[in-house]
Amino acid sequence: MISFSHAFLIMAAFAFLLLLAVLLGGWLVFKSKSAPGERLIGPAPKGSVFTIPDAAFAPDVVDEEQDKKMMENTERFLSMLGGGKP
């Protein structure tokens, strides 16, 4: 037979898990529907929010100099690890 204290502890554990699930579900719904920079608790921050534009709207500017320098640095780093060009 289960004692009253054990039954109470089991019910309290279930109540805690239920509360935790409700809070997690509410947070997930808020995150899925919130605007960038919107907070769950407290006022919205002042000023504009920094967002990275989508790749579809980003300009296609290629800087050959930076790409060449980055590739040289990458090749030098890989050669130090013993994995340079095959």
N, C-alpha and C. Protein backbone atom coordinates (compact mmCIF):
# COMPACT_ATOMS: atom_id res chain seq x y z
N MET A 1 0.85 -1.19 0.00
CA MET A 1 0.00 0.00 0.00
C MET A 1 0.89 1.24 0.00
N ILE A 2 0.46 2.22 -0.73
CA ILE A 2 1.23 3.46 -0.83
C ILE A 2 0.75 4.41 0.27
N SER A 3 1.71 5.03 0.92
CA SER A 3 1.36 5.94 2.01
C SER A 3 0.94 7.29 1.45
N PHE A 4 0.35 8.10 2.31
CA PHE A 4 -0.11 9.42 1.92
C PHE A 4 1.06 10.29 1.48
N SER A 5 2.17 10.21 2.17
CA SER A 5 3.32 11.05 1.83
C SER A 5 3.89 10.67 0.46
N HIS A 6 3.92 9.37 0.15
CA HIS A 6 4.40 8.95 -1.16
C HIS A 6 3.45 9.40 -2.27
N ALA A 7 2.16 9.29 -2.03
CA ALA A 7 1.18 9.73 -3.01
C ALA A 7 1.28 11.24 -3.23
N PHE A 8 1.47 11.97 -2.14
CA PHE A 8 1.62 13.42 -2.26
C PHE A 8 2.87 13.78 -3.05
N LEU A 9 3.98 13.10 -2.81
CA LEU A 9 5.21 13.37 -3.54
C LEU A 9 5.06 13.06 -5.03
N ILE A 10 4.38 11.99 -5.35
CA ILE A 10 4.15 11.63 -6.75
C ILE A 10 3.28 12.69 -7.43
N MET A 11 2.21 13.13 -6.76
CA MET A 11 1.35 14.16 -7.33
C MET A 11 2.10 15.48 -7.47
N ALA A 12 2.95 15.82 -6.52
CA ALA A 12 3.73 17.05 -6.60
C ALA A 12 4.71 16.98 -7.76
N ALA A 13 5.31 15.82 -7.99
CA ALA A 13 6.24 15.67 -9.11
C ALA A 13 5.50 15.82 -10.43
N PHE A 14 4.33 15.22 -10.56
CA PHE A 14 3.53 15.37 -11.78
C PHE A 14 3.10 16.82 -11.99
N ALA A 15 2.73 17.50 -10.91
CA ALA A 15 2.32 18.91 -11.01
C ALA A 15 3.51 19.76 -11.46
N PHE A 16 4.69 19.48 -10.95
CA PHE A 16 5.90 20.21 -11.36
C PHE A 16 6.21 19.97 -12.83
N LEU A 17 6.13 18.71 -13.26
CA LEU A 17 6.38 18.40 -14.67
C LEU A 17 5.35 19.05 -15.58
N LEU A 18 4.09 19.08 -15.15
CA LEU A 18 3.05 19.73 -15.93
C LEU A 18 3.29 21.22 -16.04
N LEU A 19 3.65 21.85 -14.95
CA LEU A 19 3.96 23.29 -14.97
C LEU A 19 5.15 23.57 -15.87
N LEU A 20 6.16 22.75 -15.79
CA LEU A 20 7.35 22.90 -16.63
C LEU A 20 6.99 22.75 -18.11
N ALA A 21 6.13 21.80 -18.45
CA ALA A 21 5.72 21.59 -19.84
C ALA A 21 4.90 22.78 -20.34
N VAL A 22 4.04 23.34 -19.51
CA VAL A 22 3.23 24.50 -19.91
C VAL A 22 4.14 25.70 -20.15
N LEU A 23 5.11 25.93 -19.27
CA LEU A 23 6.04 27.05 -19.45
C LEU A 23 6.88 26.87 -20.71
N LEU A 24 7.37 25.68 -20.94
CA LEU A 24 8.17 25.41 -22.13
C LEU A 24 7.34 25.59 -23.39
N GLY A 25 6.12 25.12 -23.39
CA GLY A 25 5.24 25.29 -24.55
C GLY A 25 4.92 26.76 -24.81
N GLY A 26 4.66 27.51 -23.76
CA GLY A 26 4.40 28.94 -23.91
C GLY A 26 5.61 29.68 -24.46
N TRP A 27 6.78 29.32 -23.99
CA TRP A 27 8.00 29.96 -24.48
C TRP A 27 8.23 29.63 -25.96
N LEU A 28 7.99 28.37 -26.34
CA LEU A 28 8.17 27.98 -27.74
C LEU A 28 7.18 28.71 -28.66
N VAL A 29 5.94 28.86 -28.22
CA VAL A 29 4.95 29.58 -29.01
C VAL A 29 5.36 31.04 -29.14
N PHE A 30 5.82 31.65 -28.04
CA PHE A 30 6.27 33.04 -28.10
C PHE A 30 7.43 33.20 -29.07
N LYS A 31 8.43 32.31 -29.00
CA LYS A 31 9.60 32.43 -29.87
C LYS A 31 9.23 32.23 -31.34
N SER A 32 8.23 31.42 -31.61
CA SER A 32 7.85 31.17 -33.00
C SER A 32 7.06 32.34 -33.59
N LYS A 33 6.42 33.14 -32.75
CA LYS A 33 5.57 34.22 -33.25
C LYS A 33 6.13 35.61 -32.95
N SER A 34 7.25 35.72 -32.26
CA SER A 34 7.76 37.02 -31.86
C SER A 34 8.53 37.70 -32.99
N ALA A 35 8.53 39.01 -32.94
CA ALA A 35 9.30 39.81 -33.90
C ALA A 35 10.75 39.87 -33.41
N PRO A 36 11.70 40.15 -34.30
CA PRO A 36 13.10 40.26 -33.86
C PRO A 36 13.25 41.34 -32.80
N GLY A 37 13.89 41.00 -31.70
CA GLY A 37 14.12 41.95 -30.61
C GLY A 37 13.02 41.99 -29.58
N GLU A 38 11.90 41.30 -29.80
CA GLU A 38 10.80 41.30 -28.86
C GLU A 38 11.15 40.42 -27.67
N ARG A 39 10.81 40.88 -26.47
CA ARG A 39 11.14 40.13 -25.27
C ARG A 39 9.90 39.45 -24.71
N LEU A 40 10.14 38.36 -23.99
CA LEU A 40 9.04 37.65 -23.35
C LEU A 40 8.55 38.42 -22.14
N ILE A 41 9.47 38.92 -21.33
CA ILE A 41 9.12 39.65 -20.12
C ILE A 41 9.81 41.02 -20.19
N GLY A 42 9.08 42.06 -19.88
CA GLY A 42 9.64 43.40 -19.86
C GLY A 42 9.33 44.16 -21.13
N PRO A 43 9.67 45.46 -21.10
CA PRO A 43 9.38 46.29 -22.28
C PRO A 43 10.31 45.97 -23.44
N ALA A 44 9.89 46.38 -24.62
CA ALA A 44 10.72 46.18 -25.81
C ALA A 44 11.93 47.10 -25.73
N PRO A 45 13.07 46.66 -26.20
CA PRO A 45 14.26 47.51 -26.16
C PRO A 45 14.09 48.72 -27.07
N LYS A 46 14.72 49.83 -26.67
CA LYS A 46 14.63 51.06 -27.47
C LYS A 46 15.63 50.99 -28.60
N GLY A 47 15.33 51.64 -29.69
CA GLY A 47 16.24 51.69 -30.83
C GLY A 47 15.92 50.61 -31.84
N SER A 48 16.70 50.62 -32.90
CA SER A 48 16.46 49.64 -33.96
C SER A 48 17.18 48.33 -33.63
N VAL A 49 16.65 47.27 -34.18
CA VAL A 49 17.20 45.95 -33.94
C VAL A 49 18.10 45.59 -35.11
N PHE A 50 19.27 45.06 -34.82
CA PHE A 50 20.20 44.66 -35.86
C PHE A 50 19.79 43.30 -36.39
N THR A 51 19.54 43.22 -37.68
CA THR A 51 19.23 41.94 -38.31
C THR A 51 20.11 41.79 -39.53
N ILE A 52 20.45 40.57 -39.84
CA ILE A 52 21.24 40.27 -41.02
C ILE A 52 20.29 40.05 -42.18
N PRO A 53 20.48 40.76 -43.29
CA PRO A 53 19.54 40.59 -44.41
C PRO A 53 19.63 39.19 -44.99
N ASP A 54 18.54 38.79 -45.61
CA ASP A 54 18.51 37.46 -46.24
C ASP A 54 19.51 37.42 -47.39
N ALA A 55 20.00 36.25 -47.66
CA ALA A 55 20.98 36.08 -48.73
C ALA A 55 20.37 36.43 -50.09
N ALA A 56 19.07 36.29 -50.25
CA ALA A 56 18.44 36.59 -51.54
C ALA A 56 18.50 38.08 -51.86
N PHE A 57 18.53 38.92 -50.83
CA PHE A 57 18.55 40.36 -51.03
C PHE A 57 19.93 40.96 -50.85
N ALA A 58 20.92 40.16 -50.52
CA ALA A 58 22.28 40.66 -50.32
C ALA A 58 22.91 40.97 -51.67
N PRO A 59 23.70 42.04 -51.74
CA PRO A 59 24.35 42.35 -53.01
C PRO A 59 25.42 41.33 -53.35
N ASP A 60 25.61 41.09 -54.63
CA ASP A 60 26.61 40.13 -55.09
C ASP A 60 27.94 40.84 -55.35
N VAL A 61 28.56 41.30 -54.30
CA VAL A 61 29.83 41.99 -54.40
C VAL A 61 30.92 41.01 -54.00
N VAL A 62 31.86 40.79 -54.90
CA VAL A 62 32.95 39.86 -54.62
C VAL A 62 34.24 40.66 -54.59
N ASP A 63 34.97 40.53 -53.51
CA ASP A 63 36.25 41.20 -53.39
C ASP A 63 37.34 40.17 -53.64
N GLU A 64 37.89 40.18 -54.83
CA GLU A 64 38.89 39.19 -55.23
C GLU A 64 40.12 39.24 -54.34
N GLU A 65 40.50 40.45 -53.92
CA GLU A 65 41.71 40.61 -53.08
C GLU A 65 41.54 39.88 -51.75
N GLN A 66 40.40 40.06 -51.10
CA GLN A 66 40.17 39.40 -49.81
C GLN A 66 40.05 37.89 -49.99
N ASP A 67 39.39 37.45 -51.05
CA ASP A 67 39.27 36.02 -51.30
C ASP A 67 40.64 35.38 -51.52
N LYS A 68 41.49 36.06 -52.28
CA LYS A 68 42.82 35.54 -52.56
C LYS A 68 43.65 35.46 -51.29
N LYS A 69 43.57 36.52 -50.47
CA LYS A 69 44.32 36.54 -49.20
C LYS A 69 43.82 35.44 -48.26
N MET A 70 42.50 35.26 -48.20
CA MET A 70 41.93 34.23 -47.34
C MET A 70 42.37 32.83 -47.79
N MET A 71 42.40 32.59 -49.09
CA MET A 71 42.84 31.30 -49.60
C MET A 71 44.32 31.06 -49.31
N GLU A 72 45.14 32.10 -49.43
CA GLU A 72 46.56 31.97 -49.10
C GLU A 72 46.75 31.63 -47.63
N ASN A 73 46.01 32.32 -46.76
CA ASN A 73 46.11 32.04 -45.33
C ASN A 73 45.62 30.63 -45.01
N THR A 74 44.57 30.19 -45.68
CA THR A 74 44.05 28.84 -45.46
C THR A 74 45.06 27.79 -45.90
N GLU A 75 45.66 28.00 -47.06
CA GLU A 75 46.67 27.04 -47.54
C GLU A 75 47.88 27.01 -46.63
N ARG A 76 48.29 28.18 -46.13
CA ARG A 76 49.44 28.22 -45.21
C ARG A 76 49.10 27.49 -43.91
N PHE A 77 47.89 27.71 -43.41
CA PHE A 77 47.46 27.03 -42.17
C PHE A 77 47.42 25.52 -42.36
N LEU A 78 46.85 25.09 -43.49
CA LEU A 78 46.77 23.64 -43.75
C LEU A 78 48.15 23.03 -43.94
N SER A 79 49.07 23.76 -44.54
CA SER A 79 50.42 23.22 -44.73
C SER A 79 51.12 23.06 -43.38
N MET A 80 50.80 23.94 -42.43
CA MET A 80 51.38 23.80 -41.07
C MET A 80 50.83 22.55 -40.39
N LEU A 81 49.61 22.16 -40.71
CA LEU A 81 49.02 20.96 -40.12
C LEU A 81 49.41 19.70 -40.89
N GLY A 82 50.07 19.89 -42.00
CA GLY A 82 50.47 18.75 -42.81
C GLY A 82 49.41 18.33 -43.79
N GLY A 83 48.46 19.19 -44.08
CA GLY A 83 47.38 18.82 -44.97
C GLY A 83 47.25 19.74 -46.16
N GLY A 84 48.36 20.31 -46.61
CA GLY A 84 48.33 21.24 -47.74
C GLY A 84 47.66 20.65 -48.97
N LYS A 85 47.83 21.27 -50.09
CA LYS A 85 47.20 20.76 -51.32
C LYS A 85 47.76 19.39 -51.68
N PRO A 86 46.92 18.49 -52.17
CA PRO A 86 47.40 17.14 -52.52
C PRO A 86 48.26 17.15 -53.76
